[in-house]
Amino acid sequence: MPRHEIATKKVVYEIAGADEVTVRLDVPYRDSADRALGMDIYYPPGASDRARLPAMVFALGFSDEGARTRIGCAAKEMESYICWARLAAMSGIAAVAYTTSTDPAADLAAVLQRIQADAAALRIDETRVALWSCSGHGPTALSMLMHGAMARPACAVLYYPYTLDLDGSTGVADAGRTFGFKTPCAGRSVSDLLPDVPTYIARAGLDAMPSLNTALDRFVAAALACNLPITVVNHSTGPHAFDLMDDGECARAIIRQTLAFLQMHLRV
């Protein structure tokens, strides 16, 4: 099928020199039932072959099959992910995108495990790894920020994310069934979150995705009540996917702030 328009949208902010980013394609990280899964690693221009770099891993909540059905390509092939990966690399941070199976939470865990096991060969500092996620991918990212997860990210970024169903609500689960994303945090609460992972949340004030901001606002209130280390930025006039859809200074400022947040917590 042809690519959906959203798959062709680029991030509205650029950093000069992004064409010089180097990319290592399809590094194997896991065998699924029917194919080998691979990850693409974007490296900053001029980085030493012996350098151990901080990294940003995209946490993905859709299977590739589901993504191709809806938008005509895998998530890591979307222009938005390519742009964000290059922005990270231009900020001194390696970026990792990967193919997914029908179990995205297990895929994310396997990617992080591969980074921990082969950090030197991948040129990544396994102690300085962030997660970046958005929209329906949010619950998969959150599953790795909870007690019992196999890895502890240094920090996380969530853009206009679906989060958790709290206080008896079902909006996130309903949206997952409608749009095809996984909800590995179902039945868990904010009290399950690790208390020491700084997390940047970008809220789109005009987000029209069903139940998203209702769930997000409950999540933020509960996280603040638990005094979790969250940073919340509200783009009051921003639509869902404002980093792609709103070519204005507010969106660009939030993107710059996001990169600065990552640099600070990954000690770039």
Protein backbone atom coordinates (compact mmCIF):
# COMPACT_ATOMS: atom_id res chain seq x y z
CA MET A 1 0.00 0.00 0.00
CA PRO A 2 1.20 3.58 -0.51
CA ARG A 3 2.55 5.42 2.49
CA HIS A 4 0.07 7.38 4.57
CA GLU A 5 0.75 11.10 4.66
CA ILE A 6 1.85 10.91 8.29
CA ALA A 7 4.71 8.58 7.32
CA THR A 8 6.15 11.25 5.05
CA LYS A 9 6.02 14.11 7.57
CA LYS A 10 9.36 15.46 8.75
CA VAL A 11 10.14 17.09 12.09
CA VAL A 12 9.69 20.86 11.89
CA TYR A 13 13.12 21.56 13.38
CA GLU A 14 16.50 20.87 11.73
CA ILE A 15 20.15 21.08 12.73
CA ALA A 16 22.67 21.93 10.05
CA GLY A 17 24.93 19.05 9.02
CA ALA A 18 22.43 16.25 9.64
CA ASP A 19 23.33 14.71 6.27
CA GLU A 20 26.72 13.85 7.76
CA VAL A 21 25.21 11.50 10.36
CA THR A 22 26.37 7.92 9.79
CA VAL A 23 23.93 5.01 10.04
CA ARG A 24 24.62 1.35 10.76
CA LEU A 25 21.66 -0.56 9.35
CA ASP A 26 19.92 -3.77 10.44
CA VAL A 27 22.13 -4.82 13.34
CA PRO A 28 20.51 -8.08 14.55
CA TYR A 29 19.09 -7.99 18.07
CA ARG A 30 16.46 -10.74 18.26
CA ASP A 31 14.93 -13.62 16.31
CA SER A 32 11.14 -13.61 16.26
CA ALA A 33 8.95 -16.50 15.14
CA ASP A 34 9.36 -15.82 11.43
CA ARG A 35 12.29 -13.43 10.93
CA ALA A 36 15.36 -11.81 12.40
CA LEU A 37 14.78 -8.38 13.89
CA GLY A 38 17.30 -5.61 13.43
CA MET A 39 18.10 -2.13 14.65
CA ASP A 40 19.45 0.94 12.87
CA ILE A 41 21.99 3.00 14.83
CA TYR A 42 22.58 6.65 13.96
CA TYR A 43 25.97 8.02 15.05
CA PRO A 44 27.09 11.64 15.42
CA PRO A 45 29.30 12.92 12.60
CA GLY A 46 32.98 12.47 13.33
CA ALA A 47 32.49 10.26 16.38
CA SER A 48 35.52 8.08 17.10
CA ASP A 49 35.18 4.38 16.33
CA ARG A 50 36.29 3.79 19.92
CA ALA A 51 33.92 6.30 21.51
CA ARG A 52 31.23 5.01 23.89
CA LEU A 53 28.30 7.30 23.18
CA PRO A 54 25.10 8.01 25.08
CA ALA A 55 22.09 6.68 23.22
CA MET A 56 18.41 7.37 22.68
CA VAL A 57 16.25 4.32 21.93
CA PHE A 58 12.86 4.75 20.30
CA ALA A 59 10.31 2.75 22.31
CA LEU A 60 7.82 1.32 19.81
CA GLY A 61 4.38 0.01 20.65
CA PHE A 62 3.09 -1.19 17.27
CA SER A 63 4.13 -4.30 15.41
CA ASP A 64 5.68 -3.68 12.00
CA GLU A 65 2.82 -5.62 10.45
CA GLY A 66 0.29 -3.38 12.14
CA ALA A 67 2.20 -0.22 11.20
CA ARG A 68 2.45 -1.27 7.56
CA THR A 69 -1.28 -1.99 7.49
CA ARG A 70 -2.10 1.47 8.81
CA ILE A 71 0.60 3.74 7.34
CA GLY A 72 2.36 1.68 4.66
CA CYS A 73 5.74 1.25 6.38
CA ALA A 74 7.40 0.21 9.61
CA ALA A 75 7.75 2.88 12.30
CA LYS A 76 11.51 3.13 11.89
CA GLU A 77 11.03 3.91 8.21
CA MET A 78 8.84 6.95 8.90
CA GLU A 79 10.45 10.28 8.07
CA SER A 80 9.68 11.50 11.59
CA TYR A 81 11.81 8.80 13.23
CA ILE A 82 14.62 9.34 10.76
CA CYS A 83 14.53 13.08 11.52
CA TRP A 84 14.48 12.59 15.29
CA ALA A 85 17.35 10.10 15.03
CA ARG A 86 19.42 12.62 13.10
CA LEU A 87 18.56 15.40 15.58
CA ALA A 88 19.77 13.19 18.41
CA ALA A 89 22.95 12.30 16.57
CA MET A 90 23.64 15.97 15.83
CA SER A 91 23.26 16.56 19.57
CA GLY A 92 25.99 14.03 20.40
CA ILE A 93 23.65 11.11 21.08
CA ALA A 94 23.48 7.85 19.15
CA ALA A 95 19.89 6.97 18.18
CA VAL A 96 18.49 3.46 17.89
CA ALA A 97 15.42 2.51 15.82
CA TYR A 98 14.39 -1.08 15.25
CA THR A 99 12.00 -3.51 13.61
CA THR A 100 9.22 -4.97 15.74
CA SER A 101 7.31 -8.23 16.11
CA THR A 102 3.86 -8.84 17.56
CA ASP A 103 5.36 -8.32 21.06
CA PRO A 104 6.82 -4.78 21.09
CA ALA A 105 7.50 -4.80 24.84
CA ALA A 106 9.69 -7.88 24.47
CA ASP A 107 11.37 -6.28 21.46
CA LEU A 108 12.26 -3.15 23.45
CA ALA A 109 13.63 -5.29 26.27
CA ALA A 110 15.71 -7.26 23.76
CA VAL A 111 17.12 -4.07 22.20
CA LEU A 112 18.18 -2.78 25.62
CA GLN A 113 19.61 -6.19 26.50
CA ARG A 114 21.64 -6.24 23.27
CA ILE A 115 22.98 -2.77 24.07
CA GLN A 116 24.00 -3.90 27.56
CA ALA A 117 25.64 -7.09 26.31
CA ASP A 118 27.50 -5.59 23.32
CA ALA A 119 27.96 -1.97 24.32
CA ALA A 120 31.57 -1.74 23.20
CA ALA A 121 30.93 -3.21 19.76
CA LEU A 122 27.90 -0.96 19.30
CA ARG A 123 29.88 2.07 20.54
CA ILE A 124 27.23 2.84 23.16
CA ASP A 125 27.62 3.65 26.85
CA GLU A 126 25.09 1.29 28.41
CA THR A 127 24.85 3.48 31.52
CA ARG A 128 23.63 6.47 29.48
CA VAL A 129 20.57 5.27 27.56
CA ALA A 130 17.33 7.23 27.17
CA LEU A 131 13.94 6.22 25.82
CA TRP A 132 11.95 8.39 23.40
CA SER A 133 8.34 7.57 22.63
CA CYS A 134 5.16 9.20 21.39
CA SER A 135 1.43 8.66 20.94
CA GLY A 136 0.38 5.00 21.04
CA HIS A 137 3.95 3.91 21.66
CA GLY A 138 3.78 5.50 25.13
CA PRO A 139 2.54 2.48 27.11
CA THR A 140 5.45 0.37 25.85
CA ALA A 141 7.91 3.02 27.01
CA LEU A 142 6.21 3.22 30.40
CA SER A 143 6.51 -0.55 30.82
CA MET A 144 10.29 -0.09 30.86
CA LEU A 145 10.07 2.65 33.51
CA MET A 146 8.42 0.38 36.07
CA HIS A 147 9.66 -1.81 38.88
CA GLY A 148 10.63 -5.22 37.53
CA ALA A 149 11.79 -3.97 34.12
CA MET A 150 15.01 -5.57 32.91
CA ALA A 151 16.77 -2.24 32.30
CA ARG A 152 16.71 1.17 33.94
CA PRO A 153 16.95 4.02 31.43
CA ALA A 154 18.81 7.14 32.46
CA CYS A 155 15.83 9.27 31.39
CA ALA A 156 12.81 9.24 29.11
CA VAL A 157 10.93 11.51 26.72
CA LEU A 158 7.21 11.08 26.04
CA TYR A 159 5.55 13.16 23.34
CA TYR A 160 1.73 13.45 23.39
CA PRO A 161 1.65 9.93 24.83
CA TYR A 162 -1.04 7.49 25.67
CA THR A 163 -0.21 6.46 29.24
CA LEU A 164 -2.20 4.48 31.83
CA ASP A 165 -5.83 3.81 32.62
CA LEU A 166 -6.28 5.12 36.15
CA ASP A 167 -9.26 5.37 38.50
CA GLY A 168 -11.26 2.72 36.66
CA SER A 169 -11.05 4.37 33.23
CA THR A 170 -10.61 2.34 30.04
CA GLY A 171 -9.73 5.01 27.46
CA VAL A 172 -6.16 3.85 26.84
CA ALA A 173 -7.20 0.21 26.44
CA ASP A 174 -10.04 1.24 24.13
CA ALA A 175 -7.66 3.33 22.00
CA GLY A 176 -5.19 0.46 21.87
CA ARG A 177 -7.84 -1.81 20.43
CA THR A 178 -8.95 0.85 17.98
CA PHE A 179 -5.52 1.87 16.71
CA GLY A 180 -3.58 -1.36 17.21
CA PHE A 181 -0.98 -0.38 19.80
CA LYS A 182 -0.04 -2.60 22.73
CA THR A 183 -0.75 -1.76 26.37
CA PRO A 184 1.76 -3.78 28.41
CA CYS A 185 1.10 -1.59 31.49
CA ALA A 186 -2.56 -2.61 31.72
CA GLY A 187 -3.57 -3.01 35.36
CA ARG A 188 -0.58 -1.11 36.73
CA SER A 189 -0.46 2.32 38.32
CA VAL A 190 1.80 5.32 38.81
CA SER A 191 3.03 3.77 42.06
CA ASP A 192 4.69 1.07 39.94
CA LEU A 193 6.94 3.63 38.23
CA LEU A 194 10.60 3.87 39.21
CA PRO A 195 11.06 6.94 41.43
CA ASP A 196 14.31 8.21 39.93
CA VAL A 197 14.01 8.28 36.12
CA PRO A 198 13.69 11.90 34.92
CA THR A 199 10.91 12.02 32.34
CA TYR A 200 10.04 14.82 29.93
CA ILE A 201 6.39 14.93 28.86
CA ALA A 202 5.24 17.11 25.97
CA ARG A 203 1.47 17.62 25.98
CA ALA A 204 -0.46 18.76 22.91
CA GLY A 205 -3.18 21.07 24.20
CA LEU A 206 -5.43 20.55 21.16
CA ASP A 207 -4.84 16.80 20.91
CA ALA A 208 -7.96 15.21 19.43
CA MET A 209 -6.96 11.56 19.87
CA PRO A 210 -9.67 9.74 21.85
CA SER A 211 -9.10 9.81 25.62
CA LEU A 212 -5.41 10.72 25.26
CA ASN A 213 -5.29 13.98 27.18
CA THR A 214 -7.87 12.80 29.69
CA ALA A 215 -5.61 9.86 30.58
CA LEU A 216 -2.46 11.98 30.37
CA ASP A 217 -3.80 14.63 32.72
CA ARG A 218 -4.73 11.98 35.28
CA PHE A 219 -1.28 10.44 34.87
CA VAL A 220 0.53 13.76 35.38
CA ALA A 221 -1.52 14.61 38.45
CA ALA A 222 -0.82 11.20 39.97
CA ALA A 223 2.89 11.42 39.12
CA LEU A 224 3.16 14.83 40.77
CA ALA A 225 1.29 13.53 43.82
CA CYS A 226 4.00 10.85 44.07
CA ASN A 227 6.68 13.54 43.57
CA LEU A 228 8.14 11.77 40.54
CA PRO A 229 10.85 13.64 38.58
CA ILE A 230 8.71 14.69 35.62
CA THR A 231 8.99 17.78 33.45
CA VAL A 232 5.72 18.69 31.74
CA VAL A 233 5.49 21.13 28.84
CA ASN A 234 2.08 22.04 27.44
CA HIS A 235 1.88 23.28 23.86
CA SER A 236 -1.53 24.84 24.41
CA THR A 237 -2.29 25.33 20.71
CA GLY A 238 -0.49 22.23 19.50
CA PRO A 239 -2.27 19.33 17.76
CA HIS A 240 -1.35 15.68 18.10
CA ALA A 241 2.07 15.17 16.47
CA PHE A 242 2.80 18.88 16.75
CA ASP A 243 6.50 18.22 16.10
CA LEU A 244 5.42 17.25 12.57
CA MET A 245 2.23 19.25 12.04
CA ASP A 246 2.91 22.66 13.61
CA ASP A 247 5.72 24.58 11.92
CA GLY A 248 5.78 27.29 14.56
CA GLU A 249 8.24 28.64 17.08
CA CYS A 250 6.56 27.00 20.07
CA ALA A 251 6.94 23.52 18.56
CA ARG A 252 10.55 24.21 17.62
CA ALA A 253 11.29 25.53 21.12
CA ILE A 254 9.91 22.35 22.69
CA ILE A 255 12.07 20.23 20.38
CA ARG A 256 15.17 22.25 21.33
CA GLN A 257 14.26 21.92 25.01
CA THR A 258 13.83 18.16 24.55
CA LEU A 259 17.31 17.81 23.07
CA ALA A 260 18.75 19.89 25.91
CA PHE A 261 16.94 17.66 28.44
CA LEU A 262 18.49 14.58 26.85
CA GLN A 263 21.95 16.15 26.77
CA MET A 264 21.71 17.11 30.45
CA HIS A 265 20.57 13.73 31.73
CA LEU A 266 22.83 11.73 29.42
CA ARG A 267 25.80 13.94 30.35
CA VAL A 268 26.68 14.91 26.78
